[in-house]
C-alpha atoms as a PDB file:
ATOM      1  CA  MET A   1     -35.974  46.995  28.851  1.00  0.00           C
ATOM      2  CA  THR A   2     -34.793  43.760  28.979  1.00  0.00           C
ATOM      3  CA  SER A   3     -37.625  40.698  31.119  1.00  0.00           C
ATOM      4  CA  GLU A   4     -34.229  38.383  31.634  1.00  0.00           C
ATOM      5  CA  ARG A   5     -34.060  38.423  35.318  1.00  0.00           C
ATOM      6  CA  ILE A   6     -30.953  38.886  37.935  1.00  0.00           C
ATOM      7  CA  TYR A   7     -29.567  39.588  40.710  1.00  0.00           C
ATOM      8  CA  VAL A   8     -27.757  42.651  42.163  1.00  0.00           C
ATOM      9  CA  GLY A   9     -26.007  42.958  44.961  1.00  0.00           C
ATOM     10  CA  SER A  10     -25.257  46.542  46.593  1.00  0.00           C
ATOM     11  CA  TYR A  11     -23.229  47.917  48.903  1.00  0.00           C
ATOM     12  CA  THR A  12     -25.374  49.069  52.204  1.00  0.00           C
ATOM     13  CA  SER A  13     -23.278  50.580  54.824  1.00  0.00           C
ATOM     14  CA  GLN A  14     -22.721  53.604  52.666  1.00  0.00           C
ATOM     15  CA  ALA A  15     -25.049  56.847  52.312  1.00  0.00           C
ATOM     16  CA  GLY A  16     -28.277  55.248  50.564  1.00  0.00           C
ATOM     17  CA  GLY A  17     -27.144  52.161  50.137  1.00  0.00           C
ATOM     18  CA  GLY A  18     -29.412  49.067  49.111  1.00  0.00           C
ATOM     19  CA  ASP A  19     -30.631  46.238  52.126  1.00  0.00           C
ATOM     20  CA  GLY A  20     -28.821  43.572  50.308  1.00  0.00           C
ATOM     21  CA  ILE A  21     -29.463  41.281  47.564  1.00  0.00           C
ATOM     22  CA  ALA A  22     -31.979  41.679  45.213  1.00  0.00           C
ATOM     23  CA  PHE A  23     -33.434  39.872  42.209  1.00  0.00           C
ATOM     24  CA  GLY A  24     -36.315  40.248  39.432  1.00  0.00           C
ATOM     25  CA  PRO A  25     -36.888  42.068  35.757  1.00  0.00           C
ATOM     26  CA  LEU A  26     -34.922  45.466  35.418  1.00  0.00           C
ATOM     27  CA  ASP A  27     -38.353  47.176  35.830  1.00  0.00           C
ATOM     28  CA  GLY A  28     -39.315  45.042  39.135  1.00  0.00           C
ATOM     29  CA  ILE A  29     -36.397  44.666  41.681  1.00  0.00           C
ATOM     30  CA  GLU A  30     -37.047  43.831  44.966  1.00  0.00           C
ATOM     31  CA  THR A  31     -34.689  43.069  47.925  1.00  0.00           C
ATOM     32  CA  VAL A  32     -34.519  39.075  48.468  1.00  0.00           C
ATOM     33  CA  ALA A  33     -31.868  38.755  51.082  1.00  0.00           C
ATOM     34  CA  THR A  34     -30.898  41.276  54.298  1.00  0.00           C
ATOM     35  CA  VAL A  35     -26.627  40.465  54.298  1.00  0.00           C
ATOM     36  CA  ALA A  36     -24.095  43.321  54.416  1.00  0.00           C
ATOM     37  CA  ASP A  37     -22.404  45.005  51.687  1.00  0.00           C
ATOM     38  CA  PRO A  38     -22.558  41.960  48.946  1.00  0.00           C
ATOM     39  CA  SER A  39     -20.210  43.253  46.758  1.00  0.00           C
ATOM     40  CA  PHE A  40     -19.983  40.273  44.670  1.00  0.00           C
ATOM     41  CA  LEU A  41     -21.866  37.038  44.181  1.00  0.00           C
ATOM     42  CA  VAL A  42     -21.592  33.889  41.902  1.00  0.00           C
ATOM     43  CA  ILE A  43     -24.596  31.045  41.163  1.00  0.00           C
ATOM     44  CA  SER A  44     -23.552  27.473  41.273  1.00  0.00           C
ATOM     45  CA  ALA A  45     -23.064  25.839  37.791  1.00  0.00           C
ATOM     46  CA  ASP A  46     -26.435  23.896  39.026  1.00  0.00           C
ATOM     47  CA  GLY A  47     -27.947  27.191  39.617  1.00  0.00           C
ATOM     48  CA  ARG A  48     -29.389  25.780  43.088  1.00  0.00           C
ATOM     49  CA  PHE A  49     -27.131  27.962  45.226  1.00  0.00           C
ATOM     50  CA  LEU A  50     -26.009  31.834  45.396  1.00  0.00           C
ATOM     51  CA  TYR A  51     -22.305  32.863  47.548  1.00  0.00           C
ATOM     52  CA  ALA A  52     -21.384  36.193  48.499  1.00  0.00           C
ATOM     53  CA  CYS A  53     -18.806  37.955  49.617  1.00  0.00           C
ATOM     54  CA  ASP A  54     -19.954  40.234  52.862  1.00  0.00           C
ATOM     55  CA  GLU A  55     -17.343  42.715  52.654  1.00  0.00           C
ATOM     56  CA  GLU A  56     -16.907  44.138  56.271  1.00  0.00           C
ATOM     57  CA  ASP A  57     -14.058  44.247  58.514  1.00  0.00           C
ATOM     58  CA  ASN A  58     -14.550  40.807  59.341  1.00  0.00           C
ATOM     59  CA  GLY A  59     -15.133  39.533  56.139  1.00  0.00           C
ATOM     60  CA  ARG A  60     -17.363  36.587  55.360  1.00  0.00           C
ATOM     61  CA  VAL A  61     -18.663  34.538  53.007  1.00  0.00           C
ATOM     62  CA  ALA A  62     -22.337  33.291  52.545  1.00  0.00           C
ATOM     63  CA  ALA A  63     -24.412  30.740  51.538  1.00  0.00           C
ATOM     64  CA  PHE A  64     -27.775  30.340  50.279  1.00  0.00           C
ATOM     65  CA  ALA A  65     -30.309  28.112  48.552  1.00  0.00           C
ATOM     66  CA  ILE A  66     -32.033  29.668  45.573  1.00  0.00           C
ATOM     67  CA  GLN A  67     -36.001  29.356  45.999  1.00  0.00           C
ATOM     68  CA  PRO A  68     -38.234  28.600  42.684  1.00  0.00           C
ATOM     69  CA  ASP A  69     -39.668  32.069  42.825  1.00  0.00           C
ATOM     70  CA  GLY A  70     -35.564  33.237  43.050  1.00  0.00           C
ATOM     71  CA  GLY A  71     -36.365  34.084  46.932  1.00  0.00           C
ATOM     72  CA  LEU A  72     -32.800  33.295  48.431  1.00  0.00           C
ATOM     73  CA  GLU A  73     -32.846  31.187  52.020  1.00  0.00           C
ATOM     74  CA  LEU A  74     -29.482  31.510  54.072  1.00  0.00           C
ATOM     75  CA  LEU A  75     -27.725  28.732  55.036  1.00  0.00           C
ATOM     76  CA  ASN A  76     -24.776  29.975  56.710  1.00  0.00           C
ATOM     77  CA  GLN A  77     -22.307  31.980  56.887  1.00  0.00           C
ATOM     78  CA  GLN A  78     -18.399  31.672  57.326  1.00  0.00           C
ATOM     79  CA  PRO A  79     -15.322  34.022  58.368  1.00  0.00           C
ATOM     80  CA  THR A  80     -12.629  34.363  55.538  1.00  0.00           C
ATOM     81  CA  GLY A  81     -10.154  35.011  57.754  1.00  0.00           C
ATOM     82  CA  GLY A  82      -9.887  38.855  56.523  1.00  0.00           C
ATOM     83  CA  VAL A  83     -10.562  41.936  55.879  1.00  0.00           C
ATOM     84  CA  HIS A  84     -13.265  43.455  53.212  1.00  0.00           C
ATOM     85  CA  PRO A  85     -13.363  40.444  51.129  1.00  0.00           C
ATOM     86  CA  CYS A  86     -14.288  41.937  47.408  1.00  0.00           C
ATOM     87  CA  HIS A  87     -14.334  38.761  45.273  1.00  0.00           C
ATOM     88  CA  LEU A  88     -15.119  34.501  44.992  1.00  0.00           C
ATOM     89  CA  ASP A  89     -15.386  31.947  42.672  1.00  0.00           C
ATOM     90  CA  ILE A  90     -16.454  28.724  42.822  1.00  0.00           C
ATOM     91  CA  ASP A  91     -13.824  26.005  41.390  1.00  0.00           C
ATOM     92  CA  PRO A  92     -14.641  23.963  38.323  1.00  0.00           C
ATOM     93  CA  SER A  93     -14.986  20.958  40.380  1.00  0.00           C
ATOM     94  CA  GLY A  94     -17.773  22.337  42.391  1.00  0.00           C
ATOM     95  CA  ARG A  95     -16.030  21.526  45.726  1.00  0.00           C
ATOM     96  CA  PHE A  96     -14.667  24.971  47.318  1.00  0.00           C
ATOM     97  CA  VAL A  97     -15.454  28.605  47.260  1.00  0.00           C
ATOM     98  CA  LEU A  98     -12.342  30.960  46.848  1.00  0.00           C
ATOM     99  CA  SER A  99     -12.329  34.429  48.381  1.00  0.00           C
ATOM    100  CA  ALA A 100     -10.341  37.603  47.912  1.00  0.00           C
ATOM    101  CA  ASN A 101     -10.227  39.448  51.118  1.00  0.00           C
ATOM    102  CA  TYR A 102      -9.136  43.006  49.629  1.00  0.00           C
ATOM    103  CA  THR A 103      -8.008  45.210  52.242  1.00  0.00           C
ATOM    104  CA  SER A 104      -5.873  42.675  54.106  1.00  0.00           C
ATOM    105  CA  GLY A 105      -4.366  41.037  50.886  1.00  0.00           C
ATOM    106  CA  SER A 106      -5.340  37.521  51.586  1.00  0.00           C
ATOM    107  CA  VAL A 107      -6.939  34.281  50.205  1.00  0.00           C
ATOM    108  CA  ALA A 108      -9.146  31.957  51.935  1.00  0.00           C
ATOM    109  CA  VAL A 109     -10.648  28.628  50.597  1.00  0.00           C
ATOM    110  CA  HIS A 110     -13.955  26.810  51.624  1.00  0.00           C
ATOM    111  CA  PRO A 111     -15.443  23.578  51.078  1.00  0.00           C
ATOM    112  CA  ARG A 112     -19.101  22.967  50.079  1.00  0.00           C
ATOM    113  CA  ASN A 113     -20.929  21.198  51.490  1.00  0.00           C
ATOM    114  CA  GLU A 114     -23.738  18.536  49.416  1.00  0.00           C
ATOM    115  CA  ASP A 115     -27.028  20.785  51.301  1.00  0.00           C
ATOM    116  CA  GLY A 116     -25.382  24.057  49.422  1.00  0.00           C
ATOM    117  CA  SER A 117     -24.175  25.041  52.392  1.00  0.00           C
ATOM    118  CA  LEU A 118     -19.999  25.923  53.243  1.00  0.00           C
ATOM    119  CA  GLY A 119     -17.291  24.471  55.693  1.00  0.00           C
ATOM    120  CA  GLU A 120     -15.092  25.697  58.189  1.00  0.00           C
ATOM    121  CA  ARG A 121     -12.066  27.362  56.156  1.00  0.00           C
ATOM    122  CA  VAL A 122      -9.165  25.170  54.919  1.00  0.00           C
ATOM    123  CA  TYR A 123      -7.039  27.569  53.542  1.00  0.00           C
ATOM    124  CA  PHE A 124      -5.659  30.626  53.849  1.00  0.00           C
ATOM    125  CA  VAL A 125      -3.051  32.320  52.311  1.00  0.00           C
ATOM    126  CA  GLN A 126      -1.506  35.972  53.170  1.00  0.00           C
ATOM    127  CA  ARG A 127       0.337  37.700  50.570  1.00  0.00           C
ATOM    128  CA  SER A 128       2.596  40.332  50.958  1.00  0.00           C
ATOM    129  CA  GLY A 129       4.142  43.580  49.197  1.00  0.00           C
ATOM    130  CA  THR A 130       4.146  46.579  48.176  1.00  0.00           C
ATOM    131  CA  GLY A 131       3.957  48.960  44.840  1.00  0.00           C
ATOM    132  CA  PRO A 132       5.051  52.723  44.369  1.00  0.00           C
ATOM    133  CA  ASN A 133       1.308  54.470  44.387  1.00  0.00           C
ATOM    134  CA  ALA A 134       1.832  55.199  48.501  1.00  0.00           C
ATOM    135  CA  GLU A 135      -1.516  55.967  48.859  1.00  0.00           C
ATOM    136  CA  ARG A 136      -3.451  52.697  47.326  1.00  0.00           C
ATOM    137  CA  GLN A 137      -0.191  49.940  46.806  1.00  0.00           C
ATOM    138  CA  GLU A 138       1.286  50.661  50.716  1.00  0.00           C
ATOM    139  CA  GLY A 139       0.280  46.818  51.609  1.00  0.00           C
ATOM    140  CA  PRO A 140      -1.001  43.522  49.567  1.00  0.00           C
ATOM    141  CA  HIS A 141      -4.743  43.817  48.495  1.00  0.00           C
ATOM    142  CA  ALA A 142      -5.999  40.666  46.565  1.00  0.00           C
ATOM    143  CA  HIS A 143      -8.967  41.705  44.279  1.00  0.00           C
ATOM    144  CA  GLN A 144      -9.701  38.521  42.196  1.00  0.00           C
ATOM    145  CA  ILE A 145     -10.381  34.703  42.158  1.00  0.00           C
ATOM    146  CA  ALA A 146      -9.980  33.477  38.332  1.00  0.00           C
ATOM    147  CA  PHE A 147      -9.686  29.589  36.754  1.00  0.00           C
ATOM    148  CA  ASP A 148      -7.973  29.194  33.219  1.00  0.00           C
ATOM    149  CA  PRO A 149     -10.222  27.707  30.732  1.00  0.00           C
ATOM    150  CA  ALA A 150      -8.786  24.210  31.712  1.00  0.00           C
ATOM    151  CA  GLY A 151     -10.014  24.211  35.462  1.00  0.00           C
ATOM    152  CA  ALA A 152      -6.250  23.170  36.040  1.00  0.00           C
ATOM    153  CA  TYR A 153      -4.541  26.950  37.359  1.00  0.00           C
ATOM    154  CA  VAL A 154      -6.350  29.437  39.715  1.00  0.00           C
ATOM    155  CA  PHE A 155      -5.349  32.810  39.906  1.00  0.00           C
ATOM    156  CA  ASP A 156      -5.337  35.328  42.996  1.00  0.00           C
ATOM    157  CA  ILE A 157      -5.054  38.890  41.334  1.00  0.00           C
ATOM    158  CA  ASP A 158      -2.909  41.399  43.693  1.00  0.00           C
ATOM    159  CA  LEU A 159      -4.142  44.969  43.411  1.00  0.00           C
ATOM    160  CA  GLY A 160      -1.035  46.227  45.939  1.00  0.00           C
ATOM    161  CA  SER A 161       1.777  44.580  44.691  1.00  0.00           C
ATOM    162  CA  ASP A 162       1.227  44.415  40.802  1.00  0.00           C
ATOM    163  CA  THR A 163       1.441  40.490  41.219  1.00  0.00           C
ATOM    164  CA  VAL A 164      -0.878  38.003  39.837  1.00  0.00           C
ATOM    165  CA  TYR A 165      -0.398  34.737  41.409  1.00  0.00           C
ATOM    166  CA  SER A 166      -0.950  31.378  39.746  1.00  0.00           C
ATOM    167  CA  SER A 167      -1.808  27.917  41.767  1.00  0.00           C
ATOM    168  CA  THR A 168      -2.917  24.601  41.639  1.00  0.00           C
ATOM    169  CA  LEU A 169      -6.027  23.854  44.116  1.00  0.00           C
ATOM    170  CA  GLY A 170      -5.386  20.493  45.666  1.00  0.00           C
ATOM    171  CA  GLU A 171      -7.952  17.876  46.602  1.00  0.00           C
ATOM    172  CA  ASP A 172      -8.324  19.289  50.196  1.00  0.00           C
ATOM    173  CA  GLY A 173      -8.414  22.915  49.245  1.00  0.00           C
ATOM    174  CA  VAL A 174      -4.870  23.840  49.705  1.00  0.00           C
ATOM    175  CA  LEU A 175      -2.814  25.786  46.630  1.00  0.00           C
ATOM    176  CA  HIS A 176       0.611  25.044  45.658  1.00  0.00           C
ATOM    177  CA  GLU A 177       2.162  27.735  43.722  1.00  0.00           C
ATOM    178  CA  VAL A 178       3.591  27.627  40.755  1.00  0.00           C
ATOM    179  CA  ASP A 179       4.232  31.063  39.265  1.00  0.00           C
ATOM    180  CA  GLN A 180       4.221  34.556  39.255  1.00  0.00           C
ATOM    181  CA  LEU A 181       3.159  37.714  36.873  1.00  0.00           C
ATOM    182  CA  ARG A 182       4.779  40.935  37.842  1.00  0.00           C
ATOM    183  CA  VAL A 183       3.267  43.507  36.208  1.00  0.00           C
ATOM    184  CA  HIS A 184       4.641  46.729  35.525  1.00  0.00           C
ATOM    185  CA  PRO A 185       5.029  48.760  38.723  1.00  0.00           C
ATOM    186  CA  GLY A 186       2.362  50.899  40.155  1.00  0.00           C
ATOM    187  CA  ALA A 187      -0.465  49.551  37.070  1.00  0.00           C
ATOM    188  CA  GLY A 188      -2.887  47.876  39.817  1.00  0.00           C
ATOM    189  CA  PRO A 189      -4.048  44.701  38.275  1.00  0.00           C
ATOM    190  CA  ARG A 190      -7.830  44.411  39.745  1.00  0.00           C
ATOM    191  CA  HIS A 191      -9.277  41.837  37.149  1.00  0.00           C
ATOM    192  CA  MET A 192      -8.321  39.186  34.200  1.00  0.00           C
ATOM    193  CA  VAL A 193     -10.550  36.895  31.962  1.00  0.00           C
ATOM    194  CA  PHE A 194      -8.868  34.152  29.205  1.00  0.00           C
ATOM    195  CA  HIS A 195      -9.266  33.548  25.865  1.00  0.00           C
ATOM    196  CA  PRO A 196     -11.685  31.332  25.411  1.00  0.00           C
ATOM    197  CA  THR A 197      -9.297  29.072  22.752  1.00  0.00           C
ATOM    198  CA  ALA A 198      -5.943  30.867  22.051  1.00  0.00           C
ATOM    199  CA  ASP A 199      -3.120  31.139  24.730  1.00  0.00           C
ATOM    200  CA  ALA A 200      -4.021  34.644  25.908  1.00  0.00           C
ATOM    201  CA  ALA A 201      -5.183  35.986  29.422  1.00  0.00           C
ATOM    202  CA  TYR A 202      -6.304  39.976  29.944  1.00  0.00           C
ATOM    203  CA  VAL A 203      -5.273  41.855  33.081  1.00  0.00           C
ATOM    204  CA  ILE A 204      -7.411  44.926  33.438  1.00  0.00           C
ATOM    205  CA  ASN A 205      -5.309  47.806  35.511  1.00  0.00           C
ATOM    206  CA  GLU A 206      -7.185  49.423  38.035  1.00  0.00           C
ATOM    207  CA  LEU A 207      -4.151  52.621  38.883  1.00  0.00           C
ATOM    208  CA  ASP A 208      -3.316  53.436  35.179  1.00  0.00           C
ATOM    209  CA  SER A 209      -5.975  53.032  33.077  1.00  0.00           C
ATOM    210  CA  THR A 210      -4.421  50.229  31.016  1.00  0.00           C
ATOM    211  CA  LEU A 211      -4.927  46.591  29.849  1.00  0.00           C
ATOM    212  CA  THR A 212      -1.677  43.700  30.281  1.00  0.00           C
ATOM    213  CA  VAL A 213      -2.007  41.203  27.558  1.00  0.00           C
ATOM    214  CA  CYS A 214      -0.757  38.018  28.320  1.00  0.00           C
ATOM    215  CA  SER A 215       0.082  35.077  26.619  1.00  0.00           C
ATOM    216  CA  TYR A 216      -0.909  31.995  28.619  1.00  0.00           C
ATOM    217  CA  SER A 217       0.411  27.950  28.809  1.00  0.00           C
ATOM    218  CA  ASP A 218       0.272  25.736  31.609  1.00  0.00           C
ATOM    219  CA  GLY A 219      -0.092  28.048  34.933  1.00  0.00           C
ATOM    220  CA  LYS A 220       2.212  30.609  33.423  1.00  0.00           C
ATOM    221  CA  LEU A 221       1.706  34.493  31.701  1.00  0.00           C
ATOM    222  CA  GLN A 222       4.044  36.805  29.956  1.00  0.00           C
ATOM    223  CA  VAL A 223       3.266  40.006  29.080  1.00  0.00           C
ATOM    224  CA  VAL A 224       3.326  40.923  25.444  1.00  0.00           C
ATOM    225  CA  GLN A 225       1.329  43.878  24.954  1.00  0.00           C
ATOM    226  CA  THR A 226       0.115  47.147  27.266  1.00  0.00           C
ATOM    227  CA  ALA A 227      -2.716  48.984  26.008  1.00  0.00           C
ATOM    228  CA  SER A 228      -4.849  51.655  27.274  1.00  0.00           C
ATOM    229  CA  THR A 229      -8.097  51.614  28.320  1.00  0.00           C
ATOM    230  CA  ARG A 230      -8.757  55.585  27.581  1.00  0.00           C
ATOM    231  CA  PRO A 231      -8.850  57.556  24.050  1.00  0.00           C
ATOM    232  CA  ALA A 232      -5.152  59.144  23.945  1.00  0.00           C
ATOM    233  CA  ASP A 233      -5.518  62.865  26.125  1.00  0.00           C
ATOM    234  CA  SER A 234      -8.398  62.044  27.472  1.00  0.00           C
ATOM    235  CA  PRO A 235      -7.941  64.433  31.071  1.00  0.00           C
ATOM    236  CA  GLY A 236      -9.126  63.242  34.935  1.00  0.00           C
ATOM    237  CA  GLU A 237      -8.764  60.755  36.885  1.00  0.00           C
ATOM    238  CA  ASN A 238      -9.899  57.192  35.744  1.00  0.00           C
ATOM    239  CA  PHE A 239      -9.482  53.586  37.788  1.00  0.00           C
ATOM    240  CA  PRO A 240     -11.006  50.736  35.620  1.00  0.00           C
ATOM    241  CA  ALA A 241     -13.085  48.063  37.379  1.00  0.00           C
ATOM    242  CA  GLU A 242     -14.755  44.900  35.495  1.00  0.00           C
ATOM    243  CA  LEU A 243     -13.292  43.268  32.972  1.00  0.00           C
ATOM    244  CA  LEU A 244     -14.971  40.664  30.108  1.00  0.00           C
ATOM    245  CA  ILE A 245     -14.354  38.827  27.195  1.00  0.00           C
ATOM    246  CA  SER A 246     -17.174  37.466  24.708  1.00  0.00           C
ATOM    247  CA  ALA A 247     -17.963  33.790  24.538  1.00  0.00           C
ATOM    248  CA  ASP A 248     -15.503  33.626  20.782  1.00  0.00           C
ATOM    249  CA  GLY A 249     -13.053  35.627  22.123  1.00  0.00           C
ATOM    250  CA  GLN A 250     -12.963  38.534  19.940  1.00  0.00           C
ATOM    251  CA  PHE A 251     -13.867  41.476  22.122  1.00  0.00           C
ATOM    252  CA  LEU A 252     -13.303  42.258  25.715  1.00  0.00           C
ATOM    253  CA  TYR A 253     -14.884  44.989  27.871  1.00  0.00           C
ATOM    254  CA  GLY A 254     -13.801  47.050  30.232  1.00  0.00           C
ATOM    255  CA  SER A 255     -15.214  49.401  32.216  1.00  0.00           C
ATOM    256  CA  ASN A 256     -13.943  53.000  33.412  1.00  0.00           C
ATOM    257  CA  ARG A 257     -14.423  54.674  36.722  1.00  0.00           C
ATOM    258  CA  GLY A 258     -14.225  58.217  36.441  1.00  0.00           C
ATOM    259  CA  ASP A 259     -14.190  58.116  32.412  1.00  0.00           C
ATOM    260  CA  ASN A 260     -17.699  56.739  33.019  1.00  0.00           C
ATOM    261  CA  THR A 261     -17.522  54.441  29.665  1.00  0.00           C
ATOM    262  CA  ILE A 262     -17.239  50.905  28.798  1.00  0.00           C
ATOM    263  CA  ALA A 263     -13.741  50.337  26.766  1.00  0.00           C
ATOM    264  CA  VAL A 264     -14.176  47.478  23.604  1.00  0.00           C
ATOM    265  CA  PHE A 265     -11.230  45.862  22.626  1.00  0.00           C
ATOM    266  CA  GLU A 266     -10.973  43.655  19.451  1.00  0.00           C
ATOM    267  CA  THR A 267      -8.457  41.118  19.979  1.00  0.00           C
ATOM    268  CA  ALA A 268      -6.458  39.552  17.195  1.00  0.00           C
ATOM    269  CA  ALA A 269      -6.945  36.130  16.036  1.00  0.00           C
ATOM    270  CA  ASP A 270      -4.700  34.723  18.383  1.00  0.00           C
ATOM    271  CA  GLY A 271      -5.539  36.481  21.113  1.00  0.00           C
ATOM    272  CA  GLN A 272      -1.698  38.030  21.609  1.00  0.00           C
ATOM    273  CA  SER A 273      -2.850  41.540  20.398  1.00  0.00           C
ATOM    274  CA  VAL A 274      -5.640  43.947  21.218  1.00  0.00           C
ATOM    275  CA  GLU A 275      -7.120  47.313  19.791  1.00  0.00           C
ATOM    276  CA  LEU A 276      -9.629  50.074  21.466  1.00  0.00           C
ATOM    277  CA  VAL A 277     -12.312  50.330  18.979  1.00  0.00           C
ATOM    278  CA  GLN A 278     -14.959  51.785  21.366  1.00  0.00           C
ATOM    279  CA  THR A 279     -15.558  53.767  24.005  1.00  0.00           C
ATOM    280  CA  ILE A 280     -19.476  54.735  25.449  1.00  0.00           C
ATOM    281  CA  SER A 281     -20.800  56.322  28.083  1.00  0.00           C
ATOM    282  CA  SER A 282     -21.675  54.115  30.545  1.00  0.00           C
ATOM    283  CA  GLY A 283     -25.117  54.978  31.435  1.00  0.00           C
ATOM    284  CA  GLY A 284     -24.069  56.176  35.048  1.00  0.00           C
ATOM    285  CA  ASP A 285     -21.562  57.066  37.492  1.00  0.00           C
ATOM    286  CA  TRP A 286     -18.528  55.082  38.540  1.00  0.00           C
ATOM    287  CA  PRO A 287     -19.129  51.454  36.518  1.00  0.00           C
ATOM    288  CA  ARG A 288     -17.743  48.914  39.266  1.00  0.00           C
ATOM    289  CA  HIS A 289     -19.271  46.055  37.182  1.00  0.00           C
ATOM    290  CA  LEU A 290     -20.167  44.788  34.297  1.00  0.00           C
ATOM    291  CA  ALA A 291     -22.335  41.642  32.961  1.00  0.00           C
ATOM    292  CA  PHE A 292     -23.046  39.394  29.955  1.00  0.00           C
ATOM    293  CA  GLY A 293     -27.208  38.574  29.672  1.00  0.00           C
ATOM    294  CA  ASN A 294     -27.520  34.976  29.322  1.00  0.00           C
ATOM    295  CA  ASP A 295     -28.557  35.442  25.178  1.00  0.00           C
ATOM    296  CA  GLY A 296     -25.104  36.964  24.954  1.00  0.00           C
ATOM    297  CA  LYS A 297     -26.356  39.869  22.787  1.00  0.00           C
ATOM    298  CA  THR A 298     -27.204  42.026  26.297  1.00  0.00           C
ATOM    299  CA  LEU A 299     -24.688  43.425  28.650  1.00  0.00           C
ATOM    300  CA  TYR A 300     -25.292  45.030  31.864  1.00  0.00           C
ATOM    301  CA  ALA A 301     -23.862  47.699  33.641  1.00  0.00           C
ATOM    302  CA  ALA A 302     -23.708  48.831  37.182  1.00  0.00           C
ATOM    303  CA  ASN A 303     -22.879  51.944  37.773  1.00  0.00           C
ATOM    304  CA  GLU A 304     -22.095  52.684  41.739  1.00  0.00           C
ATOM    305  CA  ARG A 305     -22.365  56.295  42.185  1.00  0.00           C
ATOM    306  CA  SER A 306     -25.644  57.253  40.516  1.00  0.00           C
ATOM    307  CA  ASP A 307     -27.533  54.147  41.672  1.00  0.00           C
ATOM    308  CA  GLN A 308     -28.530  52.531  37.989  1.00  0.00           C
ATOM    309  CA  ILE A 309     -28.076  50.149  36.123  1.00  0.00           C
ATOM    310  CA  ALA A 310     -27.581  50.331  32.505  1.00  0.00           C
ATOM    311  CA  THR A 311     -28.203  47.856  29.945  1.00  0.00           C
ATOM    312  CA  PHE A 312     -26.766  47.595  26.320  1.00  0.00           C
ATOM    313  CA  THR A 313     -27.235  45.205  22.863  1.00  0.00           C
ATOM    314  CA  ILE A 314     -24.183  43.837  21.859  1.00  0.00           C
ATOM    315  CA  ALA A 315     -23.663  43.859  18.015  1.00  0.00           C
ATOM    316  CA  ASP A 316     -20.781  43.369  15.691  1.00  0.00           C
ATOM    317  CA  GLY A 317     -19.036  43.304  18.842  1.00  0.00           C
ATOM    318  CA  ARG A 318     -19.867  46.642  19.654  1.00  0.00           C
ATOM    319  CA  LEU A 319     -22.555  48.309  22.355  1.00  0.00           C
ATOM    320  CA  THR A 320     -25.622  50.232  21.790  1.00  0.00           C
ATOM    321  CA  GLN A 321     -27.613  51.814  25.070  1.00  0.00           C
ATOM    322  CA  VAL A 322     -31.514  50.714  25.125  1.00  0.00           C
ATOM    323  CA  GLY A 323     -33.729  52.116  26.999  1.00  0.00           C
ATOM    324  CA  GLU A 324     -33.512  54.340  29.948  1.00  0.00           C
ATOM    325  CA  PRO A 325     -31.149  52.757  32.936  1.00  0.00           C
ATOM    326  CA  ALA A 326     -32.949  50.928  35.712  1.00  0.00           C
ATOM    327  CA  VAL A 327     -32.504  52.919  39.504  1.00  0.00           C
ATOM    328  CA  TRP A 328     -31.467  50.747  42.204  1.00  0.00           C
ATOM    329  CA  PRO A 329     -29.527  51.781  45.059  1.00  0.00           C
ATOM    330  CA  LYS A 330     -25.483  51.191  45.077  1.00  0.00           C
ATOM    331  CA  PRO A 331     -25.133  48.436  42.901  1.00  0.00           C
ATOM    332  CA  VAL A 332     -21.871  46.624  42.816  1.00  0.00           C
ATOM    333  CA  CYS A 333     -22.751  43.525  40.856  1.00  0.00           C
ATOM    334  CA  VAL A 334     -25.096  42.038  38.813  1.00  0.00           C
ATOM    335  CA  VAL A 335     -25.219  38.011  38.062  1.00  0.00           C
ATOM    336  CA  PRO A 336     -28.227  37.421  35.611  1.00  0.00           C
ATOM    337  CA  VAL A 337     -30.608  34.133  35.792  1.00  0.00           C
END
């Protein structure tokens, strides 16, 4: 089992859930912050601060100072103005934290203070729209904040309306819309990543188990391929969740909840097409999150329903599970340090 230290966010409101945010090597994880439903975590570029979204009815984002031993000191919390924030990210300038409110379908922007704490919300946008899936797309559901490799454009992905919004982020924290990508109806776009060098981006779709490949230029996306995240004729329901891309852009890794697998795609040299080259068990049930180890040769899978964090090695892009999964209640986000 790897000795790398990680932060783990867990659902606390579920039966058998954790107490908040944990830290340590996989064989010695301990709770370091008690906070409600920290479903996504991000660490500042200088490694001094950690931010979490508290996925509650009255959504909040929380700021922590990271202590020398990995402990967390709560600096403050700020309301997002929405319901169930499920994702957040720090803009490349380090000045703002942006969060996606899933249930209410909105995006909030908070400034970062010099001491790492969060200021009052400076911007809020309520998305709108629906999709053909009556149960899951009755309204907007913002699911991720992402920045392109140059840091010039910010994207918020809306599962409820099958839309990826592209914007610039002003000096005052205001989003200025540039474009919208309409993914095919009923796709349910959840997360996206960008190719590090090619003009391409990839969107994983929760509701129909597909991966959308896009060309990319100046904040605008255009669909060029749609691929399945599952082998042909896979039985049963499946709901993809996380998507990662290797540092060289040659491989994509997507989690399949239901199949309980990790799908590995190889990208073409120009990034404009993909091929499914491996599916491997996620090492548990309901892999909500994936994360690379800092060496780029390790991948972690947080299996929410089975309370397990599995570890894989990466060789020639393919995955091999290593050892038995670590046990931790309702893990939904893993951040190596």
